[in-house]
């Protein structure tokens, strides 16, 4: 009967076991990053990102638009579109900050595994 090793380092001598442990570690690290950063970035969304024409802050900014009806309309449209674009850019930036590190970690880990073959 083969002796059973109680030392963790003895199990790392097997290449397949090392890869499997690496896969598990990278997966846990990536999932933890996604969970924690997702909560940090989207748990507290600033009001400026979700502003629309009914929000008090946007109403206050729209009151500053002066001139003829057409000029006021163009001013308000510009404020709304700028707010939507800014909110979209912030959301995309946050999504990239959440997704890029795990994707990079998997690419690097895959390259390390291929290099070891």
PDB file of N, CA and C in Angstrom:
ATOM      1  N   UNK A   1       0.846  -1.169   0.000  1.00  0.00           N
ATOM      2  CA  UNK A   1       0.000   0.000   0.000  1.00  0.00           C
ATOM      3  C   UNK A   1       0.897   1.240   0.000  1.00  0.00           C
ATOM      4  N   UNK A   2       0.630   2.193  -0.926  1.00  0.00           N
ATOM      5  CA  UNK A   2       1.470   3.389  -0.985  1.00  0.00           C
ATOM      6  C   UNK A   2       1.252   4.257   0.249  1.00  0.00           C
ATOM      7  N   UNK A   3       2.339   4.873   0.662  1.00  0.00           N
ATOM      8  CA  UNK A   3       2.231   5.738   1.834  1.00  0.00           C
ATOM      9  C   UNK A   3       1.499   7.024   1.459  1.00  0.00           C
ATOM     10  N   UNK A   4       0.687   7.485   2.345  1.00  0.00           N
ATOM     11  CA  UNK A   4      -0.066   8.712   2.094  1.00  0.00           C
ATOM     12  C   UNK A   4       0.706   9.879   2.686  1.00  0.00           C
ATOM     13  N   UNK A   5       0.915  10.876   1.875  1.00  0.00           N
ATOM     14  CA  UNK A   5       1.672  12.044   2.312  1.00  0.00           C
ATOM     15  C   UNK A   5       0.753  13.000   3.055  1.00  0.00           C
ATOM     16  N   UNK A   6       1.253  13.515   4.137  1.00  0.00           N
ATOM     17  CA  UNK A   6       0.485  14.498   4.889  1.00  0.00           C
ATOM     18  C   UNK A   6       0.988  15.909   4.618  1.00  0.00           C
ATOM     19  N   UNK A   7       2.039  16.015   3.820  1.00  0.00           N
ATOM     20  CA  UNK A   7       2.613  17.314   3.513  1.00  0.00           C
ATOM     21  C   UNK A   7       2.000  17.849   2.224  1.00  0.00           C
ATOM     22  N   UNK A   8       1.543  19.071   2.281  1.00  0.00           N
ATOM     23  CA  UNK A   8       0.938  19.711   1.111  1.00  0.00           C
ATOM     24  C   UNK A   8       1.941  19.841  -0.031  1.00  0.00           C
ATOM     25  N   UNK A   9       3.190  20.138   0.281  1.00  0.00           N
ATOM     26  CA  UNK A   9       4.206  20.361  -0.754  1.00  0.00           C
ATOM     27  C   UNK A   9       4.483  19.095  -1.557  1.00  0.00           C
ATOM     28  N   UNK A  10       4.304  17.911  -0.956  1.00  0.00           N
ATOM     29  CA  UNK A  10       4.514  16.672  -1.709  1.00  0.00           C
ATOM     30  C   UNK A  10       3.495  16.542  -2.837  1.00  0.00           C
ATOM     31  N   UNK A  11       2.288  17.014  -2.625  1.00  0.00           N
ATOM     32  CA  UNK A  11       1.258  16.947  -3.656  1.00  0.00           C
ATOM     33  C   UNK A  11       1.523  17.891  -4.810  1.00  0.00           C
ATOM     34  N   UNK A  12       2.352  18.898  -4.603  1.00  0.00           N
ATOM     35  CA  UNK A  12       2.639  19.863  -5.662  1.00  0.00           C
ATOM     36  C   UNK A  12       3.664  19.349  -6.659  1.00  0.00           C
ATOM     37  N   UNK A  13       4.247  18.195  -6.406  1.00  0.00           N
ATOM     38  CA  UNK A  13       5.213  17.632  -7.346  1.00  0.00           C
ATOM     39  C   UNK A  13       4.516  17.127  -8.604  1.00  0.00           C
ATOM     40  N   UNK A  14       3.260  16.757  -8.498  1.00  0.00           N
ATOM     41  CA  UNK A  14       2.491  16.294  -9.653  1.00  0.00           C
ATOM     42  C   UNK A  14       2.010  17.504 -10.455  1.00  0.00           C
ATOM     43  N   UNK A  15       2.336  17.529 -11.744  1.00  0.00           N
ATOM     44  CA  UNK A  15       2.011  18.671 -12.607  1.00  0.00           C
ATOM     45  C   UNK A  15       0.502  18.896 -12.711  1.00  0.00           C
ATOM     46  N   UNK A  16      -0.259  17.818 -12.902  1.00  0.00           N
ATOM     47  CA  UNK A  16      -1.713  17.971 -13.039  1.00  0.00           C
ATOM     48  C   UNK A  16      -2.333  18.524 -11.758  1.00  0.00           C
ATOM     49  N   UNK A  17      -1.834  18.066 -10.631  1.00  0.00           N
ATOM     50  CA  UNK A  17      -2.352  18.563  -9.349  1.00  0.00           C
ATOM     51  C   UNK A  17      -2.022  20.044  -9.172  1.00  0.00           C
ATOM     52  N   UNK A  18      -0.813  20.434  -9.556  1.00  0.00           N
ATOM     53  CA  UNK A  18      -0.414  21.849  -9.473  1.00  0.00           C
ATOM     54  C   UNK A  18      -1.326  22.712 -10.334  1.00  0.00           C
ATOM     55  N   UNK A  19      -1.604  22.249 -11.538  1.00  0.00           N
ATOM     56  CA  UNK A  19      -2.485  23.021 -12.438  1.00  0.00           C
ATOM     57  C   UNK A  19      -3.892  23.123 -11.872  1.00  0.00           C
ATOM     58  N   UNK A  20      -4.387  22.032 -11.325  1.00  0.00           N
ATOM     59  CA  UNK A  20      -5.734  22.030 -10.764  1.00  0.00           C
ATOM     60  C   UNK A  20      -5.817  22.993  -9.574  1.00  0.00           C
ATOM     61  N   UNK A  21      -4.817  22.954  -8.711  1.00  0.00           N
ATOM     62  CA  UNK A  21      -4.789  23.875  -7.569  1.00  0.00           C
ATOM     63  C   UNK A  21      -4.689  25.318  -8.070  1.00  0.00           C
ATOM     64  N   UNK A  22      -3.868  25.545  -9.089  1.00  0.00           N
ATOM     65  CA  UNK A  22      -3.754  26.885  -9.672  1.00  0.00           C
ATOM     66  C   UNK A  22      -5.069  27.358 -10.257  1.00  0.00           C
ATOM     67  N   UNK A  23      -5.772  26.451 -10.956  1.00  0.00           N
ATOM     68  CA  UNK A  23      -7.083  26.804 -11.507  1.00  0.00           C
ATOM     69  C   UNK A  23      -8.044  27.220 -10.396  1.00  0.00           C
ATOM     70  N   UNK A  24      -8.043  26.466  -9.320  1.00  0.00           N
ATOM     71  CA  UNK A  24      -8.946  26.763  -8.206  1.00  0.00           C
ATOM     72  C   UNK A  24      -8.585  28.099  -7.563  1.00  0.00           C
ATOM     73  N   UNK A  25      -7.296  28.328  -7.339  1.00  0.00           N
ATOM     74  CA  UNK A  25      -6.857  29.576  -6.702  1.00  0.00           C
ATOM     75  C   UNK A  25      -7.202  30.779  -7.580  1.00  0.00           C
ATOM     76  N   UNK A  26      -6.917  30.678  -8.883  1.00  0.00           N
ATOM     77  CA  UNK A  26      -7.208  31.793  -9.793  1.00  0.00           C
ATOM     78  C   UNK A  26      -8.715  32.028  -9.877  1.00  0.00           C
ATOM     79  N   UNK A  27      -9.501  30.961  -9.934  1.00  0.00           N
ATOM     80  CA  UNK A  27     -10.956  31.104  -9.993  1.00  0.00           C
ATOM     81  C   UNK A  27     -11.495  31.784  -8.737  1.00  0.00           C
ATOM     82  N   UNK A  28     -11.040  31.344  -7.574  1.00  0.00           N
ATOM     83  CA  UNK A  28     -11.504  31.954  -6.319  1.00  0.00           C
ATOM     84  C   UNK A  28     -11.088  33.421  -6.247  1.00  0.00           C
ATOM     85  N   UNK A  29      -9.854  33.712  -6.640  1.00  0.00           N
ATOM     86  CA  UNK A  29      -9.381  35.104  -6.619  1.00  0.00           C
ATOM     87  C   UNK A  29     -10.201  35.971  -7.575  1.00  0.00           C
ATOM     88  N   UNK A  30     -10.485  35.453  -8.774  1.00  0.00           N
ATOM     89  CA  UNK A  30     -11.265  36.222  -9.753  1.00  0.00           C
ATOM     90  C   UNK A  30     -12.689  36.458  -9.262  1.00  0.00           C
ATOM     91  N   UNK A  31     -13.317  35.420  -8.729  1.00  0.00           N
ATOM     92  CA  UNK A  31     -14.683  35.581  -8.227  1.00  0.00           C
ATOM     93  C   UNK A  31     -14.734  36.539  -7.039  1.00  0.00           C
ATOM     94  N   UNK A  32     -13.734  36.460  -6.174  1.00  0.00           N
ATOM     95  CA  UNK A  32     -13.684  37.390  -5.042  1.00  0.00           C
ATOM     96  C   UNK A  32     -13.516  38.820  -5.534  1.00  0.00           C
ATOM     97  N   UNK A  33     -12.642  39.023  -6.524  1.00  0.00           N
ATOM     98  CA  UNK A  33     -12.439  40.362  -7.080  1.00  0.00           C
ATOM     99  C   UNK A  33     -13.737  40.893  -7.689  1.00  0.00           C
ATOM    100  N   UNK A  34     -14.409  40.065  -8.480  1.00  0.00           N
ATOM    101  CA  UNK A  34     -15.649  40.498  -9.130  1.00  0.00           C
ATOM    102  C   UNK A  34     -16.701  40.850  -8.074  1.00  0.00           C
ATOM    103  N   UNK A  35     -16.827  40.022  -7.053  1.00  0.00           N
ATOM    104  CA  UNK A  35     -17.834  40.279  -6.015  1.00  0.00           C
ATOM    105  C   UNK A  35     -17.515  41.549  -5.231  1.00  0.00           C
ATOM    106  N   UNK A  36     -16.288  41.669  -4.759  1.00  0.00           N
ATOM    107  CA  UNK A  36     -15.930  42.830  -3.932  1.00  0.00           C
ATOM    108  C   UNK A  36     -15.907  44.129  -4.729  1.00  0.00           C
ATOM    109  N   UNK A  37     -15.315  44.097  -5.913  1.00  0.00           N
ATOM    110  CA  UNK A  37     -15.257  45.328  -6.699  1.00  0.00           C
ATOM    111  C   UNK A  37     -16.636  45.691  -7.252  1.00  0.00           C
ATOM    112  N   UNK A  38     -17.436  44.695  -7.611  1.00  0.00           N
ATOM    113  CA  UNK A  38     -18.800  44.976  -8.063  1.00  0.00           C
ATOM    114  C   UNK A  38     -19.617  45.642  -6.977  1.00  0.00           C
ATOM    115  N   UNK A  39     -19.478  45.135  -5.752  1.00  0.00           N
ATOM    116  CA  UNK A  39     -20.177  45.749  -4.627  1.00  0.00           C
ATOM    117  C   UNK A  39     -19.650  47.158  -4.365  1.00  0.00           C
ATOM    118  N   UNK A  40     -18.341  47.331  -4.447  1.00  0.00           N
ATOM    119  CA  UNK A  40     -17.750  48.649  -4.177  1.00  0.00           C
ATOM    120  C   UNK A  40     -18.128  49.671  -5.246  1.00  0.00           C
ATOM    121  N   UNK A  41     -18.133  49.245  -6.517  1.00  0.00           N
ATOM    122  CA  UNK A  41     -18.388  50.190  -7.605  1.00  0.00           C
ATOM    123  C   UNK A  41     -19.869  50.449  -7.845  1.00  0.00           C
ATOM    124  N   UNK A  42     -20.722  49.454  -7.616  1.00  0.00           N
ATOM    125  CA  UNK A  42     -22.137  49.636  -7.913  1.00  0.00           C
ATOM    126  C   UNK A  42     -23.023  49.609  -6.670  1.00  0.00           C
ATOM    127  N   UNK A  43     -22.437  49.372  -5.517  1.00  0.00           N
ATOM    128  CA  UNK A  43     -23.211  49.410  -4.282  1.00  0.00           C
ATOM    129  C   UNK A  43     -23.637  50.820  -3.919  1.00  0.00           C
ATOM    130  N   UNK A  44     -22.840  51.785  -4.299  1.00  0.00           N
ATOM    131  CA  UNK A  44     -23.123  53.187  -3.998  1.00  0.00           C
ATOM    132  C   UNK A  44     -22.931  53.996  -5.274  1.00  0.00           C
ATOM    133  N   UNK A  45     -23.974  54.062  -6.080  1.00  0.00           N
ATOM    134  CA  UNK A  45     -23.911  54.783  -7.350  1.00  0.00           C
ATOM    135  C   UNK A  45     -24.228  56.253  -7.096  1.00  0.00           C
ATOM    136  N   UNK A  46     -23.342  57.166  -7.510  1.00  0.00           N
ATOM    137  CA  UNK A  46     -23.621  58.595  -7.316  1.00  0.00           C
ATOM    138  C   UNK A  46     -24.887  59.025  -8.058  1.00  0.00           C
ATOM    139  N   UNK A  47     -25.585  60.002  -7.491  1.00  0.00           N
ATOM    140  CA  UNK A  47     -26.820  60.486  -8.106  1.00  0.00           C
ATOM    141  C   UNK A  47     -26.588  61.065  -9.493  1.00  0.00           C
ATOM    142  N   UNK A  48     -25.404  61.617  -9.732  1.00  0.00           N
ATOM    143  CA  UNK A  48     -25.128  62.229 -11.033  1.00  0.00           C
ATOM    144  C   UNK A  48     -25.220  61.207 -12.167  1.00  0.00           C
ATOM    145  N   UNK A  49     -24.941  59.948 -11.875  1.00  0.00           N
ATOM    146  CA  UNK A  49     -24.988  58.919 -12.917  1.00  0.00           C
ATOM    147  C   UNK A  49     -26.428  58.635 -13.313  1.00  0.00           C
ATOM    148  N   UNK A  50     -27.326  58.663 -12.348  1.00  0.00           N
ATOM    149  CA  UNK A  50     -28.717  58.301 -12.619  1.00  0.00           C
ATOM    150  C   UNK A  50     -29.626  59.512 -12.785  1.00  0.00           C
ATOM    151  N   UNK A  51     -29.051  60.705 -12.875  1.00  0.00           N
ATOM    152  CA  UNK A  51     -29.871  61.908 -13.060  1.00  0.00           C
ATOM    153  C   UNK A  51     -30.698  61.806 -14.337  1.00  0.00           C
ATOM    154  N   UNK A  52     -31.953  62.235 -14.244  1.00  0.00           N
ATOM    155  CA  UNK A  52     -32.786  62.395 -15.428  1.00  0.00           C
ATOM    156  C   UNK A  52     -33.550  63.705 -15.283  1.00  0.00           C
ATOM    157  N   UNK A  53     -34.456  63.955 -16.182  1.00  0.00           N
ATOM    158  CA  UNK A  53     -35.124  65.259 -16.198  1.00  0.00           C
ATOM    159  C   UNK A  53     -35.992  65.504 -14.962  1.00  0.00           C
ATOM    160  N   UNK A  54     -36.306  64.468 -14.196  1.00  0.00           N
ATOM    161  CA  UNK A  54     -37.158  64.657 -13.019  1.00  0.00           C
ATOM    162  C   UNK A  54     -36.365  64.870 -11.729  1.00  0.00           C
ATOM    163  N   UNK A  55     -35.059  64.672 -11.755  1.00  0.00           N
ATOM    164  CA  UNK A  55     -34.274  64.830 -10.525  1.00  0.00           C
ATOM    165  C   UNK A  55     -34.141  66.308 -10.161  1.00  0.00           C
ATOM    166  N   UNK A  56     -34.041  66.559  -8.873  1.00  0.00           N
ATOM    167  CA  UNK A  56     -33.956  67.941  -8.393  1.00  0.00           C
ATOM    168  C   UNK A  56     -32.695  68.635  -8.902  1.00  0.00           C
ATOM    169  N   UNK A  57     -31.567  67.938  -8.899  1.00  0.00           N
ATOM    170  CA  UNK A  57     -30.310  68.540  -9.362  1.00  0.00           C
ATOM    171  C   UNK A  57     -30.412  68.928 -10.836  1.00  0.00           C
ATOM    172  N   UNK A  58     -31.017  68.073 -11.643  1.00  0.00           N
ATOM    173  CA  UNK A  58     -31.155  68.382 -13.071  1.00  0.00           C
ATOM    174  C   UNK A  58     -32.147  69.523 -13.263  1.00  0.00           C
ATOM    175  N   UNK A  59     -33.219  69.557 -12.491  1.00  0.00           N
ATOM    176  CA  UNK A  59     -34.188  70.654 -12.585  1.00  0.00           C
ATOM    177  C   UNK A  59     -33.516  71.988 -12.268  1.00  0.00           C
ATOM    178  N   UNK A  60     -32.637  71.985 -11.255  1.00  0.00           N
ATOM    179  CA  UNK A  60     -31.923  73.216 -10.896  1.00  0.00           C
ATOM    180  C   UNK A  60     -30.998  73.663 -12.025  1.00  0.00           C
ATOM    181  N   UNK A  61     -30.317  72.721 -12.642  1.00  0.00           N
ATOM    182  CA  UNK A  61     -29.429  73.079 -13.765  1.00  0.00           C
ATOM    183  C   UNK A  61     -30.234  73.573 -14.966  1.00  0.00           C
ATOM    184  N   UNK A  62     -31.413  72.984 -15.179  1.00  0.00           N
ATOM    185  CA  UNK A  62     -32.226  73.372 -16.329  1.00  0.00           C
ATOM    186  C   UNK A  62     -32.852  74.758 -16.139  1.00  0.00           C
ATOM    187  N   UNK A  63     -33.021  75.185 -14.905  1.00  0.00           N
ATOM    188  CA  UNK A  63     -33.577  76.518 -14.648  1.00  0.00           C
ATOM    189  C   UNK A  63     -32.625  77.618 -15.108  1.00  0.00           C
ATOM    190  N   UNK A  64     -31.345  77.297 -15.194  1.00  0.00           N
ATOM    191  CA  UNK A  64     -30.353  78.293 -15.617  1.00  0.00           C
ATOM    192  C   UNK A  64     -30.415  78.564 -17.117  1.00  0.00           C
ATOM    193  N   UNK A  65     -31.130  77.731 -17.870  1.00  0.00           N
ATOM    194  CA  UNK A  65     -31.244  77.940 -19.321  1.00  0.00           C
ATOM    195  C   UNK A  65     -32.145  79.151 -19.582  1.00  0.00           C
ATOM    196  N   UNK A  66     -31.631  80.094 -20.362  1.00  0.00           N
ATOM    197  CA  UNK A  66     -32.370  81.329 -20.639  1.00  0.00           C
ATOM    198  C   UNK A  66     -32.453  81.560 -22.136  1.00  0.00           C
ATOM    199  N   UNK A  67     -33.286  82.511 -22.508  1.00  0.00           N
ATOM    200  CA  UNK A  67     -33.424  82.894 -23.903  1.00  0.00           C
ATOM    201  C   UNK A  67     -34.776  82.484 -24.446  1.00  0.00           C
ATOM    202  N   UNK A  68     -34.857  82.419 -25.770  1.00  0.00           N
ATOM    203  CA  UNK A  68     -36.109  82.042 -26.422  1.00  0.00           C
ATOM    204  C   UNK A  68     -36.424  80.573 -26.124  1.00  0.00           C
ATOM    205  N   UNK A  69     -37.634  80.180 -26.515  1.00  0.00           N
ATOM    206  CA  UNK A  69     -38.052  78.796 -26.284  1.00  0.00           C
ATOM    207  C   UNK A  69     -37.065  77.812 -26.916  1.00  0.00           C
ATOM    208  N   UNK A  70     -36.654  78.107 -28.148  1.00  0.00           N
ATOM    209  CA  UNK A  70     -35.730  77.210 -28.852  1.00  0.00           C
ATOM    210  C   UNK A  70     -34.380  77.122 -28.130  1.00  0.00           C
ATOM    211  N   UNK A  71     -33.866  78.250 -27.670  1.00  0.00           N
ATOM    212  CA  UNK A  71     -32.577  78.243 -26.962  1.00  0.00           C
ATOM    213  C   UNK A  71     -32.685  77.492 -25.629  1.00  0.00           C
ATOM    214  N   UNK A  72     -33.793  77.691 -24.914  1.00  0.00           N
ATOM    215  CA  UNK A  72     -33.981  76.954 -23.659  1.00  0.00           C
ATOM    216  C   UNK A  72     -34.083  75.455 -23.924  1.00  0.00           C
ATOM    217  N   UNK A  73     -34.817  75.097 -24.980  1.00  0.00           N
ATOM    218  CA  UNK A  73     -34.974  73.684 -25.339  1.00  0.00           C
ATOM    219  C   UNK A  73     -33.622  73.064 -25.679  1.00  0.00           C
ATOM    220  N   UNK A  74     -32.822  73.745 -26.498  1.00  0.00           N
ATOM    221  CA  UNK A  74     -31.498  73.237 -26.873  1.00  0.00           C
ATOM    222  C   UNK A  74     -30.585  73.122 -25.653  1.00  0.00           C
ATOM    223  N   UNK A  75     -30.660  74.099 -24.758  1.00  0.00           N
ATOM    224  CA  UNK A  75     -29.849  74.074 -23.536  1.00  0.00           C
ATOM    225  C   UNK A  75     -30.221  72.864 -22.675  1.00  0.00           C
ATOM    226  N   UNK A  76     -31.518  72.634 -22.497  1.00  0.00           N
ATOM    227  CA  UNK A  76     -31.972  71.511 -21.684  1.00  0.00           C
ATOM    228  C   UNK A  76     -31.607  70.174 -22.328  1.00  0.00           C
ATOM    229  N   UNK A  77     -31.752  70.088 -23.636  1.00  0.00           N
ATOM    230  CA  UNK A  77     -31.362  68.861 -24.343  1.00  0.00           C
ATOM    231  C   UNK A  77     -29.872  68.590 -24.179  1.00  0.00           C
ATOM    232  N   UNK A  78     -29.079  69.634 -24.285  1.00  0.00           N
ATOM    233  CA  UNK A  78     -27.626  69.485 -24.136  1.00  0.00           C
ATOM    234  C   UNK A  78     -27.286  68.988 -22.727  1.00  0.00           C
ATOM    235  N   UNK A  79     -27.941  69.559 -21.712  1.00  0.00           N
ATOM    236  CA  UNK A  79     -27.710  69.114 -20.333  1.00  0.00           C
ATOM    237  C   UNK A  79     -28.076  67.640 -20.152  1.00  0.00           C
ATOM    238  N   UNK A  80     -29.235  67.250 -20.689  1.00  0.00           N
ATOM    239  CA  UNK A  80     -29.672  65.860 -20.556  1.00  0.00           C
ATOM    240  C   UNK A  80     -28.738  64.901 -21.287  1.00  0.00           C
ATOM    241  N   UNK A  81     -28.365  65.241 -22.518  1.00  0.00           N
ATOM    242  CA  UNK A  81     -27.474  64.364 -23.286  1.00  0.00           C
ATOM    243  C   UNK A  81     -26.093  64.269 -22.657  1.00  0.00           C
ATOM    244  N   UNK A  82     -25.580  65.396 -22.178  1.00  0.00           N
ATOM    245  CA  UNK A  82     -24.269  65.361 -21.515  1.00  0.00           C
ATOM    246  C   UNK A  82     -24.313  64.481 -20.270  1.00  0.00           C
ATOM    247  N   UNK A  83     -25.391  64.583 -19.518  1.00  0.00           N
ATOM    248  CA  UNK A  83     -25.536  63.745 -18.325  1.00  0.00           C
ATOM    249  C   UNK A  83     -25.621  62.271 -18.667  1.00  0.00           C
ATOM    250  N   UNK A  84     -26.365  61.932 -19.727  1.00  0.00           N
ATOM    251  CA  UNK A  84     -26.479  60.537 -20.139  1.00  0.00           C
ATOM    252  C   UNK A  84     -25.141  59.999 -20.624  1.00  0.00           C
ATOM    253  N   UNK A  85     -24.431  60.790 -21.403  1.00  0.00           N
ATOM    254  CA  UNK A  85     -23.118  60.349 -21.902  1.00  0.00           C
ATOM    255  C   UNK A  85     -22.141  60.158 -20.755  1.00  0.00           C
ATOM    256  N   UNK A  86     -22.130  61.094 -19.821  1.00  0.00           N
ATOM    257  CA  UNK A  86     -21.220  60.993 -18.687  1.00  0.00           C
ATOM    258  C   UNK A  86     -21.558  59.772 -17.836  1.00  0.00           C
ATOM    259  N   UNK A  87     -22.841  59.554 -17.584  1.00  0.00           N
ATOM    260  CA  UNK A  87     -23.261  58.388 -16.802  1.00  0.00           C
ATOM    261  C   UNK A  87     -22.887  57.087 -17.484  1.00  0.00           C
ATOM    262  N   UNK A  88     -23.045  57.027 -18.804  1.00  0.00           N
ATOM    263  CA  UNK A  88     -22.674  55.829 -19.559  1.00  0.00           C
ATOM    264  C   UNK A  88     -21.169  55.599 -19.486  1.00  0.00           C
ATOM    265  N   UNK A  89     -20.391  56.664 -19.645  1.00  0.00           N
ATOM    266  CA  UNK A  89     -18.931  56.534 -19.594  1.00  0.00           C
ATOM    267  C   UNK A  89     -18.470  56.054 -18.218  1.00  0.00           C
ATOM    268  N   UNK A  90     -19.075  56.566 -17.168  1.00  0.00           N
ATOM    269  CA  UNK A  90     -18.708  56.142 -15.811  1.00  0.00           C
ATOM    270  C   UNK A  90     -19.072  54.674 -15.600  1.00  0.00           C
ATOM    271  N   UNK A  91     -20.251  54.268 -16.067  1.00  0.00           N
ATOM    272  CA  UNK A  91     -20.673  52.875 -15.907  1.00  0.00           C
ATOM    273  C   UNK A  91     -19.751  51.928 -16.675  1.00  0.00           C
ATOM    274  N   UNK A  92     -19.396  52.281 -17.909  1.00  0.00           N
ATOM    275  CA  UNK A  92     -18.483  51.441 -18.695  1.00  0.00           C
ATOM    276  C   UNK A  92     -17.118  51.375 -18.021  1.00  0.00           C
ATOM    277  N   UNK A  93     -16.646  52.492 -17.509  1.00  0.00           N
ATOM    278  CA  UNK A  93     -15.366  52.521 -16.807  1.00  0.00           C
ATOM    279  C   UNK A  93     -15.396  51.591 -15.595  1.00  0.00           C
ATOM    280  N   UNK A  94     -16.463  51.620 -14.844  1.00  0.00           N
ATOM    281  CA  UNK A  94     -16.573  50.756 -13.669  1.00  0.00           C
ATOM    282  C   UNK A  94     -16.628  49.284 -14.076  1.00  0.00           C
ATOM    283  N   UNK A  95     -17.355  48.980 -15.134  1.00  0.00           N
ATOM    284  CA  UNK A  95     -17.423  47.593 -15.607  1.00  0.00           C
ATOM    285  C   UNK A  95     -16.049  47.112 -16.050  1.00  0.00           C
ATOM    286  N   UNK A  96     -15.302  47.973 -16.728  1.00  0.00           N
ATOM    287  CA  UNK A  96     -13.946  47.590 -17.151  1.00  0.00           C
ATOM    288  C   UNK A  96     -13.040  47.361 -15.945  1.00  0.00           C
ATOM    289  N   UNK A  97     -13.163  48.186 -14.915  1.00  0.00           N
ATOM    290  CA  UNK A  97     -12.352  48.000 -13.709  1.00  0.00           C
ATOM    291  C   UNK A  97     -12.715  46.713 -12.975  1.00  0.00           C
ATOM    292  N   UNK A  98     -13.945  46.268 -13.124  1.00  0.00           N
ATOM    293  CA  UNK A  98     -14.363  45.015 -12.503  1.00  0.00           C
ATOM    294  C   UNK A  98     -13.883  43.820 -13.325  1.00  0.00           C
ATOM    295  N   UNK A  99     -14.007  43.891 -14.652  1.00  0.00           N
ATOM    296  CA  UNK A  99     -13.742  42.732 -15.513  1.00  0.00           C
ATOM    297  C   UNK A  99     -12.290  42.582 -15.953  1.00  0.00           C
ATOM    298  N   UNK A 100     -11.566  43.667 -16.124  1.00  0.00           N
ATOM    299  CA  UNK A 100     -10.211  43.581 -16.684  1.00  0.00           C
ATOM    300  C   UNK A 100      -9.235  42.777 -15.822  1.00  0.00           C
ATOM    301  N   UNK A 101      -9.157  42.988 -14.511  1.00  0.00           N
ATOM    302  CA  UNK A 101      -8.198  42.190 -13.729  1.00  0.00           C
ATOM    303  C   UNK A 101      -8.449  40.680 -13.769  1.00  0.00           C
ATOM    304  N   UNK A 102      -9.701  40.189 -13.636  1.00  0.00           N
ATOM    305  CA  UNK A 102      -9.893  38.740 -13.739  1.00  0.00           C
ATOM    306  C   UNK A 102      -9.559  38.187 -15.126  1.00  0.00           C
ATOM    307  N   UNK A 103      -9.912  38.935 -16.162  1.00  0.00           N
ATOM    308  CA  UNK A 103      -9.578  38.481 -17.516  1.00  0.00           C
ATOM    309  C   UNK A 103      -8.068  38.410 -17.680  1.00  0.00           C
ATOM    310  N   UNK A 104      -7.373  39.428 -17.201  1.00  0.00           N
ATOM    311  CA  UNK A 104      -5.909  39.439 -17.274  1.00  0.00           C
ATOM    312  C   UNK A 104      -5.321  38.283 -16.476  1.00  0.00           C
ATOM    313  N   UNK A 105      -5.860  38.026 -15.300  1.00  0.00           N
ATOM    314  CA  UNK A 105      -5.355  36.920 -14.476  1.00  0.00           C
ATOM    315  C   UNK A 105      -5.514  35.582 -15.190  1.00  0.00           C
ATOM    316  N   UNK A 106      -6.661  35.373 -15.844  1.00  0.00           N
ATOM    317  CA  UNK A 106      -6.866  34.113 -16.564  1.00  0.00           C
ATOM    318  C   UNK A 106      -5.945  33.996 -17.768  1.00  0.00           C
ATOM    319  N   UNK A 107      -5.723  35.088 -18.472  1.00  0.00           N
ATOM    320  CA  UNK A 107      -4.809  35.052 -19.618  1.00  0.00           C
ATOM    321  C   UNK A 107      -3.395  34.720 -19.150  1.00  0.00           C
ATOM    322  N   UNK A 108      -2.949  35.371 -18.092  1.00  0.00           N
ATOM    323  CA  UNK A 108      -1.601  35.107 -17.566  1.00  0.00           C
ATOM    324  C   UNK A 108      -1.500  33.673 -17.061  1.00  0.00           C
ATOM    325  N   UNK A 109      -2.502  33.200 -16.323  1.00  0.00           N
ATOM    326  CA  UNK A 109      -2.465  31.833 -15.809  1.00  0.00           C
ATOM    327  C   UNK A 109      -2.464  30.822 -16.954  1.00  0.00           C
ATOM    328  N   UNK A 110      -3.257  31.063 -17.996  1.00  0.00           N
ATOM    329  CA  UNK A 110      -3.268  30.162 -19.155  1.00  0.00           C
ATOM    330  C   UNK A 110      -1.911  30.137 -19.843  1.00  0.00           C
ATOM    331  N   UNK A 111      -1.272  31.296 -19.952  1.00  0.00           N
ATOM    332  CA  UNK A 111       0.062  31.353 -20.568  1.00  0.00           C
ATOM    333  C   UNK A 111       1.081  30.600 -19.722  1.00  0.00           C
ATOM    334  N   UNK A 112       0.981  30.719 -18.416  1.00  0.00           N
ATOM    335  CA  UNK A 112       1.901  29.997 -17.524  1.00  0.00           C
ATOM    336  C   UNK A 112       1.696  28.491 -17.671  1.00  0.00           C
ATOM    337  N   UNK A 113       0.441  28.057 -17.755  1.00  0.00           N
ATOM    338  CA  UNK A 113       0.171  26.621 -17.909  1.00  0.00           C
ATOM    339  C   UNK A 113       0.700  26.102 -19.244  1.00  0.00           C
ATOM    340  N   UNK A 114       0.499  26.858 -20.324  1.00  0.00           N
ATOM    341  CA  UNK A 114       0.996  26.431 -21.643  1.00  0.00           C
ATOM    342  C   UNK A 114       2.514  26.386 -21.672  1.00  0.00           C
ATOM    343  N   UNK A 115       3.136  27.331 -21.015  1.00  0.00           N
ATOM    344  CA  UNK A 115       4.597  27.394 -21.002  1.00  0.00           C
ATOM    345  C   UNK A 115       5.197  26.194 -20.271  1.00  0.00           C
ATOM    346  N   UNK A 116       4.486  25.693 -19.288  1.00  0.00           N
ATOM    347  CA  UNK A 116       4.975  24.562 -18.511  1.00  0.00           C
ATOM    348  C   UNK A 116       4.853  23.223 -19.213  1.00  0.00           C
ATOM    349  N   UNK A 117       4.168  23.185 -20.345  1.00  0.00           N
ATOM    350  CA  UNK A 117       3.986  21.907 -21.058  1.00  0.00           C
ATOM    351  C   UNK A 117       5.230  21.463 -21.768  1.00  0.00           C
TER     352      UNK A 117
END
